[in-house]
């Protein structure tokens, strides 16, 4: 057996498929909790902490794809410029660094509120 990090995402997706197919037997309260958890998956934003700005404020970078929707793919507007334009509405900016291509940077002391603002912004474009 290899010593590797478990892939919880794959496990969660298998549980989700079992619930949807009706093969998962568990108390109804547990199934409802799991379904609420699965609904949140699309709203999760993975931030990476980067160096503070010149004034010492914390900065975080996220992938520009969080600012785009399926509608953008259909309209051929699935690109960095569209994402950056939307991010600027809530204080985001272009992240210029070779280590994180396609990043949007935010200065934030409360990253949970920043994620909430991003999700609310994107709901307008769905």
Foldseek 3Di string as FASTA:
>chain_A
DDPDDDDVVVVLVVVVVCVVVVNDDDPPVVVVVSVVVVVCPLLDWDWDWDAAPPVRFTKIKTALQLQDDVVCVVVVNRDLVSSQVLLVVVAWHDDDDPVDPRIIMHRDPDVVVVSVVSVVSSVVVD
